[in-house]
C-alpha atoms as a PDB file:
ATOM      1  CA  MET A   1      69.046  58.880  96.117  1.00  0.00           C
ATOM      2  CA  GLY A   2      67.866  62.478  96.458  1.00  0.00           C
ATOM      3  CA  ARG A   3      65.002  61.976  93.996  1.00  0.00           C
ATOM      4  CA  THR A   4      63.863  58.856  95.898  1.00  0.00           C
ATOM      5  CA  VAL A   5      63.829  60.653  99.254  1.00  0.00           C
ATOM      6  CA  VAL A   6      61.770  63.550  97.904  1.00  0.00           C
ATOM      7  CA  ARG A   7      59.325  61.196  96.144  1.00  0.00           C
ATOM      8  CA  TYR A   8      58.657  59.286  99.364  1.00  0.00           C
ATOM      9  CA  ALA A   9      58.282  62.515 101.345  1.00  0.00           C
ATOM     10  CA  LEU A  10      55.778  63.942  98.877  1.00  0.00           C
ATOM     11  CA  ALA A  11      53.840  60.679  98.706  1.00  0.00           C
ATOM     12  CA  LEU A  12      53.574  60.613 102.501  1.00  0.00           C
ATOM     13  CA  ALA A  13      52.466  64.249 102.666  1.00  0.00           C
ATOM     14  CA  MET A  14      49.785  63.769 100.014  1.00  0.00           C
ATOM     15  CA  THR A  15      48.529  60.601 101.734  1.00  0.00           C
ATOM     16  CA  ILE A  16      48.165  62.467 105.025  1.00  0.00           C
ATOM     17  CA  LEU A  17      46.364  65.292 103.252  1.00  0.00           C
ATOM     18  CA  LEU A  18      43.900  63.024 101.449  1.00  0.00           C
ATOM     19  CA  THR A  19      43.108  60.902 104.506  1.00  0.00           C
ATOM     20  CA  ALA A  20      42.840  63.775 107.000  1.00  0.00           C
ATOM     21  CA  PRO A  21      39.409  64.976 108.159  1.00  0.00           C
ATOM     22  CA  GLY A  22      37.899  67.836 106.193  1.00  0.00           C
ATOM     23  CA  SER A  23      38.207  70.130 109.186  1.00  0.00           C
ATOM     24  CA  VAL A  24      41.991  69.717 109.096  1.00  0.00           C
ATOM     25  CA  ALA A  25      42.298  70.825 105.471  1.00  0.00           C
ATOM     26  CA  ALA A  26      40.060  73.822 106.078  1.00  0.00           C
ATOM     27  CA  GLN A  27      41.733  74.458 109.490  1.00  0.00           C
ATOM     28  CA  ASP A  28      40.613  77.765 111.005  1.00  0.00           C
ATOM     29  CA  LEU A  29      41.555  79.961 108.049  1.00  0.00           C
ATOM     30  CA  ALA A  30      38.764  82.258 106.940  1.00  0.00           C
ATOM     31  CA  ASP A  31      36.484  81.355 104.028  1.00  0.00           C
ATOM     32  CA  PHE A  32      37.779  83.550 101.207  1.00  0.00           C
ATOM     33  CA  ASP A  33      36.816  83.866  97.564  1.00  0.00           C
ATOM     34  CA  TYR A  34      38.592  85.360  94.541  1.00  0.00           C
ATOM     35  CA  GLU A  35      37.775  88.915  95.657  1.00  0.00           C
ATOM     36  CA  ASN A  36      40.140  88.419  98.584  1.00  0.00           C
ATOM     37  CA  LEU A  37      43.110  87.480  96.424  1.00  0.00           C
ATOM     38  CA  SER A  38      45.776  90.155  96.755  1.00  0.00           C
ATOM     39  CA  PHE A  39      49.538  90.409  96.930  1.00  0.00           C
ATOM     40  CA  ARG A  40      50.586  89.623 100.514  1.00  0.00           C
ATOM     41  CA  GLY A  41      54.299  88.936 100.336  1.00  0.00           C
ATOM     42  CA  VAL A  42      57.332  87.820  98.380  1.00  0.00           C
ATOM     43  CA  ALA A  43      59.955  85.166  99.113  1.00  0.00           C
ATOM     44  CA  LEU A  44      63.421  84.326  97.870  1.00  0.00           C
ATOM     45  CA  GLU A  45      64.183  80.610  97.583  1.00  0.00           C
ATOM     46  CA  TRP A  46      67.348  78.550  97.377  1.00  0.00           C
ATOM     47  CA  GLY A  47      67.624  74.815  96.907  1.00  0.00           C
ATOM     48  CA  TYR A  48      69.183  71.805  95.281  1.00  0.00           C
ATOM     49  CA  LEU A  49      67.680  69.604  92.588  1.00  0.00           C
ATOM     50  CA  TRP A  50      68.379  66.252  91.006  1.00  0.00           C
ATOM     51  CA  PRO A  51      67.369  66.240  87.307  1.00  0.00           C
ATOM     52  CA  SER A  52      66.995  63.034  85.313  1.00  0.00           C
ATOM     53  CA  ARG A  53      69.439  64.067  82.531  1.00  0.00           C
ATOM     54  CA  VAL A  54      71.605  66.733  84.165  1.00  0.00           C
ATOM     55  CA  GLU A  55      74.104  66.665  87.015  1.00  0.00           C
ATOM     56  CA  PRO A  56      72.663  67.778  90.405  1.00  0.00           C
ATOM     57  CA  VAL A  57      72.591  71.588  90.554  1.00  0.00           C
ATOM     58  CA  GLN A  58      71.653  74.494  92.772  1.00  0.00           C
ATOM     59  CA  THR A  59      68.482  76.432  92.039  1.00  0.00           C
ATOM     60  CA  VAL A  60      67.156  79.860  92.976  1.00  0.00           C
ATOM     61  CA  GLY A  61      63.613  81.125  92.833  1.00  0.00           C
ATOM     62  CA  LEU A  62      61.001  83.664  93.773  1.00  0.00           C
ATOM     63  CA  ARG A  63      57.454  83.112  95.002  1.00  0.00           C
ATOM     64  CA  MET A  64      54.615  85.576  95.498  1.00  0.00           C
ATOM     65  CA  ASP A  65      51.899  84.999  98.089  1.00  0.00           C
ATOM     66  CA  MET A  66      48.487  85.977  96.668  1.00  0.00           C
ATOM     67  CA  GLY A  67      46.445  84.868  99.676  1.00  0.00           C
ATOM     68  CA  TYR A  68      43.555  82.413  99.831  1.00  0.00           C
ATOM     69  CA  LEU A  69      41.100  81.476  97.096  1.00  0.00           C
ATOM     70  CA  GLY A  70      39.031  79.284  99.440  1.00  0.00           C
ATOM     71  CA  PRO A  71      39.239  77.749 102.921  1.00  0.00           C
ATOM     72  CA  GLY A  72      42.913  76.917 103.333  1.00  0.00           C
ATOM     73  CA  LEU A  73      43.604  77.100  99.565  1.00  0.00           C
ATOM     74  CA  ARG A  74      46.566  79.410  98.936  1.00  0.00           C
ATOM     75  CA  ILE A  75      47.675  80.673  95.500  1.00  0.00           C
ATOM     76  CA  LEU A  76      51.349  81.361  94.741  1.00  0.00           C
ATOM     77  CA  PRO A  77      52.820  82.488  91.397  1.00  0.00           C
ATOM     78  CA  ASN A  78      56.502  81.594  91.222  1.00  0.00           C
ATOM     79  CA  LEU A  79      59.711  81.814  89.214  1.00  0.00           C
ATOM     80  CA  GLY A  80      62.675  79.457  89.205  1.00  0.00           C
ATOM     81  CA  TYR A  81      66.100  79.151  87.582  1.00  0.00           C
ATOM     82  CA  TRP A  82      68.787  76.499  87.345  1.00  0.00           C
ATOM     83  CA  SER A  83      71.629  75.676  84.977  1.00  0.00           C
ATOM     84  CA  GLY A  84      73.871  72.629  84.921  1.00  0.00           C
ATOM     85  CA  PRO A  85      75.954  70.280  82.766  1.00  0.00           C
ATOM     86  CA  PHE A  86      74.496  67.268  81.002  1.00  0.00           C
ATOM     87  CA  GLU A  87      75.395  63.889  82.465  1.00  0.00           C
ATOM     88  CA  ALA A  88      78.288  62.244  80.594  1.00  0.00           C
ATOM     89  CA  GLY A  89      76.028  59.419  79.432  1.00  0.00           C
ATOM     90  CA  GLU A  90      73.549  61.892  77.927  1.00  0.00           C
ATOM     91  CA  VAL A  91      76.318  63.639  75.962  1.00  0.00           C
ATOM     92  CA  THR A  92      77.572  60.287  74.671  1.00  0.00           C
ATOM     93  CA  GLU A  93      74.056  59.332  73.575  1.00  0.00           C
ATOM     94  CA  LEU A  94      73.692  62.607  71.670  1.00  0.00           C
ATOM     95  CA  GLU A  95      77.042  62.056  69.951  1.00  0.00           C
ATOM     96  CA  GLU A  96      75.958  58.564  68.899  1.00  0.00           C
ATOM     97  CA  ARG A  97      72.655  59.856  67.534  1.00  0.00           C
ATOM     98  CA  VAL A  98      74.423  62.527  65.483  1.00  0.00           C
ATOM     99  CA  ALA A  99      76.848  59.928  64.086  1.00  0.00           C
ATOM    100  CA  GLU A 100      73.944  57.600  63.174  1.00  0.00           C
ATOM    101  CA  LEU A 101      72.182  60.466  61.419  1.00  0.00           C
ATOM    102  CA  VAL A 102      75.275  61.189  59.298  1.00  0.00           C
ATOM    103  CA  VAL A 103      75.502  57.501  58.334  1.00  0.00           C
ATOM    104  CA  ARG A 104      71.845  57.399  57.284  1.00  0.00           C
ATOM    105  CA  GLN A 105      72.082  60.614  55.291  1.00  0.00           C
ATOM    106  CA  THR A 106      75.421  59.991  53.521  1.00  0.00           C
ATOM    107  CA  GLY A 107      76.021  56.257  53.631  1.00  0.00           C
ATOM    108  CA  GLU A 108      79.565  56.987  54.790  1.00  0.00           C
ATOM    109  CA  PRO A 109      81.223  55.353  57.832  1.00  0.00           C
ATOM    110  CA  ALA A 110      80.261  56.849  61.173  1.00  0.00           C
ATOM    111  CA  PRO A 111      82.312  59.980  61.912  1.00  0.00           C
ATOM    112  CA  GLU A 112      83.960  60.796  65.212  1.00  0.00           C
ATOM    113  CA  VAL A 113      81.569  63.210  66.963  1.00  0.00           C
ATOM    114  CA  ASP A 114      82.747  65.225  69.956  1.00  0.00           C
ATOM    115  CA  LEU A 115      80.153  67.633  71.338  1.00  0.00           C
ATOM    116  CA  GLY A 116      82.257  68.574  74.350  1.00  0.00           C
ATOM    117  CA  GLY A 117      80.490  69.936  77.396  1.00  0.00           C
ATOM    118  CA  ILE A 118      76.798  70.802  77.188  1.00  0.00           C
ATOM    119  CA  ASP A 119      74.895  72.941  79.692  1.00  0.00           C
ATOM    120  CA  TRP A 120      71.120  72.993  80.048  1.00  0.00           C
ATOM    121  CA  THR A 121      69.315  75.984  81.546  1.00  0.00           C
ATOM    122  CA  ASP A 122      65.711  76.070  82.782  1.00  0.00           C
ATOM    123  CA  VAL A 123      63.696  79.207  83.536  1.00  0.00           C
ATOM    124  CA  ARG A 124      60.349  78.323  85.152  1.00  0.00           C
ATOM    125  CA  VAL A 125      57.254  80.545  85.274  1.00  0.00           C
ATOM    126  CA  GLY A 126      54.587  78.785  87.313  1.00  0.00           C
ATOM    127  CA  LEU A 127      51.490  78.884  89.493  1.00  0.00           C
ATOM    128  CA  ASP A 128      51.013  76.697  92.585  1.00  0.00           C
ATOM    129  CA  ALA A 129      47.894  75.951  94.625  1.00  0.00           C
ATOM    130  CA  GLN A 130      48.473  74.767  98.197  1.00  0.00           C
ATOM    131  CA  VAL A 131      46.190  73.371 100.870  1.00  0.00           C
ATOM    132  CA  VAL A 132      47.448  74.859 104.135  1.00  0.00           C
ATOM    133  CA  TRP A 133      46.670  73.625 107.616  1.00  0.00           C
ATOM    134  CA  ARG A 134      48.030  74.338 111.053  1.00  0.00           C
ATOM    135  CA  VAL A 135      49.825  71.903 113.361  1.00  0.00           C
ATOM    136  CA  PRO A 136      51.187  72.441 116.894  1.00  0.00           C
ATOM    137  CA  TYR A 137      53.941  74.955 117.700  1.00  0.00           C
ATOM    138  CA  ASP A 138      52.550  77.565 115.241  1.00  0.00           C
ATOM    139  CA  ILE A 139      53.785  75.580 112.232  1.00  0.00           C
ATOM    140  CA  LEU A 140      51.857  75.784 108.956  1.00  0.00           C
ATOM    141  CA  THR A 141      51.938  72.627 106.833  1.00  0.00           C
ATOM    142  CA  PHE A 142      51.192  72.747 103.124  1.00  0.00           C
ATOM    143  CA  ALA A 143      50.811  70.327 100.233  1.00  0.00           C
ATOM    144  CA  GLY A 144      49.772  71.111  96.704  1.00  0.00           C
ATOM    145  CA  ALA A 145      50.245  70.971  92.968  1.00  0.00           C
ATOM    146  CA  GLY A 146      51.183  73.417  90.248  1.00  0.00           C
ATOM    147  CA  ALA A 147      51.699  74.010  86.555  1.00  0.00           C
ATOM    148  CA  ALA A 148      54.464  75.936  84.818  1.00  0.00           C
ATOM    149  CA  ALA A 149      56.019  76.961  81.529  1.00  0.00           C
ATOM    150  CA  HIS A 150      59.683  75.900  81.315  1.00  0.00           C
ATOM    151  CA  ILE A 151      61.995  77.801  78.981  1.00  0.00           C
ATOM    152  CA  LEU A 152      64.846  75.366  78.267  1.00  0.00           C
ATOM    153  CA  ASN A 153      68.087  76.371  76.589  1.00  0.00           C
ATOM    154  CA  GLY A 154      71.019  74.161  75.597  1.00  0.00           C
ATOM    155  CA  ASP A 155      74.492  75.632  75.306  1.00  0.00           C
ATOM    156  CA  GLY A 156      77.877  74.290  74.264  1.00  0.00           C
ATOM    157  CA  ALA A 157      80.803  75.460  72.152  1.00  0.00           C
ATOM    158  CA  ALA A 158      80.461  72.599  69.659  1.00  0.00           C
ATOM    159  CA  LEU A 159      76.680  72.709  69.241  1.00  0.00           C
ATOM    160  CA  ASN A 160      75.872  76.435  69.136  1.00  0.00           C
ATOM    161  CA  GLY A 161      74.065  77.252  65.915  1.00  0.00           C
ATOM    162  CA  THR A 162      73.469  73.580  65.031  1.00  0.00           C
ATOM    163  CA  PHE A 163      70.341  71.432  64.881  1.00  0.00           C
ATOM    164  CA  VAL A 164      71.448  69.787  68.152  1.00  0.00           C
ATOM    165  CA  GLU A 165      71.041  73.113  69.929  1.00  0.00           C
ATOM    166  CA  ASP A 166      67.597  73.453  68.354  1.00  0.00           C
ATOM    167  CA  LEU A 167      66.648  70.069  69.818  1.00  0.00           C
ATOM    168  CA  LEU A 168      67.591  71.231  73.309  1.00  0.00           C
ATOM    169  CA  ASP A 169      65.930  74.668  73.085  1.00  0.00           C
ATOM    170  CA  SER A 170      62.205  74.590  73.816  1.00  0.00           C
ATOM    171  CA  VAL A 171      59.297  75.974  75.806  1.00  0.00           C
ATOM    172  CA  THR A 172      57.653  73.077  77.623  1.00  0.00           C
ATOM    173  CA  ALA A 173      54.677  72.727  79.960  1.00  0.00           C
ATOM    174  CA  GLY A 174      55.282  70.991  83.275  1.00  0.00           C
ATOM    175  CA  PHE A 175      53.455  70.093  86.459  1.00  0.00           C
ATOM    176  CA  ASN A 176      54.533  69.369  90.024  1.00  0.00           C
ATOM    177  CA  LEU A 177      53.566  67.996  93.404  1.00  0.00           C
ATOM    178  CA  HIS A 178      55.068  69.608  96.479  1.00  0.00           C
ATOM    179  CA  ALA A 179      54.803  69.717 100.268  1.00  0.00           C
ATOM    180  CA  GLY A 180      56.506  71.544 103.092  1.00  0.00           C
ATOM    181  CA  LEU A 181      56.501  73.338 106.434  1.00  0.00           C
ATOM    182  CA  GLU A 182      56.318  77.068 107.155  1.00  0.00           C
ATOM    183  CA  TYR A 183      57.037  78.938 110.377  1.00  0.00           C
ATOM    184  CA  PRO A 184      56.221  82.607 111.103  1.00  0.00           C
ATOM    185  CA  LEU A 185      59.266  84.114 112.780  1.00  0.00           C
ATOM    186  CA  ASN A 186      57.078  87.170 113.379  1.00  0.00           C
ATOM    187  CA  GLU A 187      54.139  88.854 111.620  1.00  0.00           C
ATOM    188  CA  ARG A 188      56.384  90.093 108.793  1.00  0.00           C
ATOM    189  CA  VAL A 189      58.879  87.261 108.219  1.00  0.00           C
ATOM    190  CA  ARG A 190      58.329  83.567 107.507  1.00  0.00           C
ATOM    191  CA  LEU A 191      60.776  80.710 107.041  1.00  0.00           C
ATOM    192  CA  TYR A 192      59.783  77.630 105.057  1.00  0.00           C
ATOM    193  CA  GLY A 193      61.184  74.463 103.547  1.00  0.00           C
ATOM    194  CA  GLN A 194      59.689  72.238 100.884  1.00  0.00           C
ATOM    195  CA  GLY A 195      60.188  69.259  98.606  1.00  0.00           C
ATOM    196  CA  ARG A 196      59.017  69.314  95.003  1.00  0.00           C
ATOM    197  CA  TYR A 197      58.817  66.802  92.169  1.00  0.00           C
ATOM    198  CA  GLU A 198      58.519  68.327  88.699  1.00  0.00           C
ATOM    199  CA  VAL A 199      57.701  66.572  85.420  1.00  0.00           C
ATOM    200  CA  LEU A 200      58.186  68.207  82.005  1.00  0.00           C
ATOM    201  CA  GLY A 201      58.411  66.157  78.827  1.00  0.00           C
ATOM    202  CA  ASP A 202      61.393  63.794  78.985  1.00  0.00           C
ATOM    203  CA  LEU A 203      62.918  65.636  81.953  1.00  0.00           C
ATOM    204  CA  GLN A 204      61.966  65.150  85.599  1.00  0.00           C
ATOM    205  CA  TYR A 205      63.586  66.403  88.752  1.00  0.00           C
ATOM    206  CA  ALA A 206      63.280  66.264  92.509  1.00  0.00           C
ATOM    207  CA  GLN A 207      64.040  69.390  94.507  1.00  0.00           C
ATOM    208  CA  LEU A 208      64.628  70.298  98.131  1.00  0.00           C
ATOM    209  CA  GLY A 209      64.718  73.960  99.114  1.00  0.00           C
ATOM    210  CA  THR A 210      64.173  76.644 101.678  1.00  0.00           C
ATOM    211  CA  GLY A 211      62.929  80.222 101.504  1.00  0.00           C
ATOM    212  CA  LEU A 212      62.418  83.405 103.474  1.00  0.00           C
ATOM    213  CA  GLN A 213      59.208  85.349 102.882  1.00  0.00           C
ATOM    214  CA  ILE A 214      58.623  89.000 103.684  1.00  0.00           C
ATOM    215  CA  MET A 215      54.938  89.736 104.341  1.00  0.00           C
ATOM    216  CA  ILE A 216      53.434  92.912 102.925  1.00  0.00           C
ATOM    217  CA  GLY A 217      49.879  92.367 104.118  1.00  0.00           C
ATOM    218  CA  GLY A 218      48.805  91.017 107.477  1.00  0.00           C
ATOM    219  CA  PRO A 219      48.356  87.311 108.268  1.00  0.00           C
ATOM    220  CA  ALA A 220      45.046  85.582 107.574  1.00  0.00           C
ATOM    221  CA  PRO A 221      42.983  84.191 110.464  1.00  0.00           C
ATOM    222  CA  GLY A 222      44.651  80.987 111.595  1.00  0.00           C
ATOM    223  CA  GLU A 223      48.132  82.085 110.479  1.00  0.00           C
ATOM    224  CA  THR A 224      49.044  84.166 113.506  1.00  0.00           C
ATOM    225  CA  ARG A 225      51.348  82.898 116.230  1.00  0.00           C
ATOM    226  CA  THR A 226      49.852  81.979 119.569  1.00  0.00           C
ATOM    227  CA  PRO A 227      50.756  84.340 122.413  1.00  0.00           C
END
């Protein structure tokens, strides 16, 4: 259910973005180039995600605001972390695959395989690009895409040091679509919420989260609150 809600929300946001007039996407933010990219702030994030093979889990993250590469185009490096148990069906499938492998290799009857609990951990190192535009009540709306390297690690008492652990440990490229709203509480603090859908190999997940950003540099033209 959670994945479906986020998918529809992102699809709606991207449709609005693509069908909006060009002046909306560019808004009134200044026309910057790469020379204007600089560290402007850092945010801590918290959220909840619904992976395709893992039980729903909490996630924490960090994003860095590097300013604008072009009119309304914001660049944000980011980090993320989550860890959760495999779904029961996924563990059962792994046990069956191991048993089938033993049968093929030895010709003996299928053994009883019990892998116990398995946890999967993901550390994400990514880069997002967002189109930002302003709507009434000083709210900034954003929608964008990103790419990331995902460092995945499987862990479980019965599989540590086995080929099954090797199958679950990997470094995988992923990409995402995301959209959200951001509100400047004042010139130095911003509150935002976003939905994200991430795809990496045979794992996908939907995510809803919120964050609080502390600004180091000043706001860009078009980001300031109205008096």
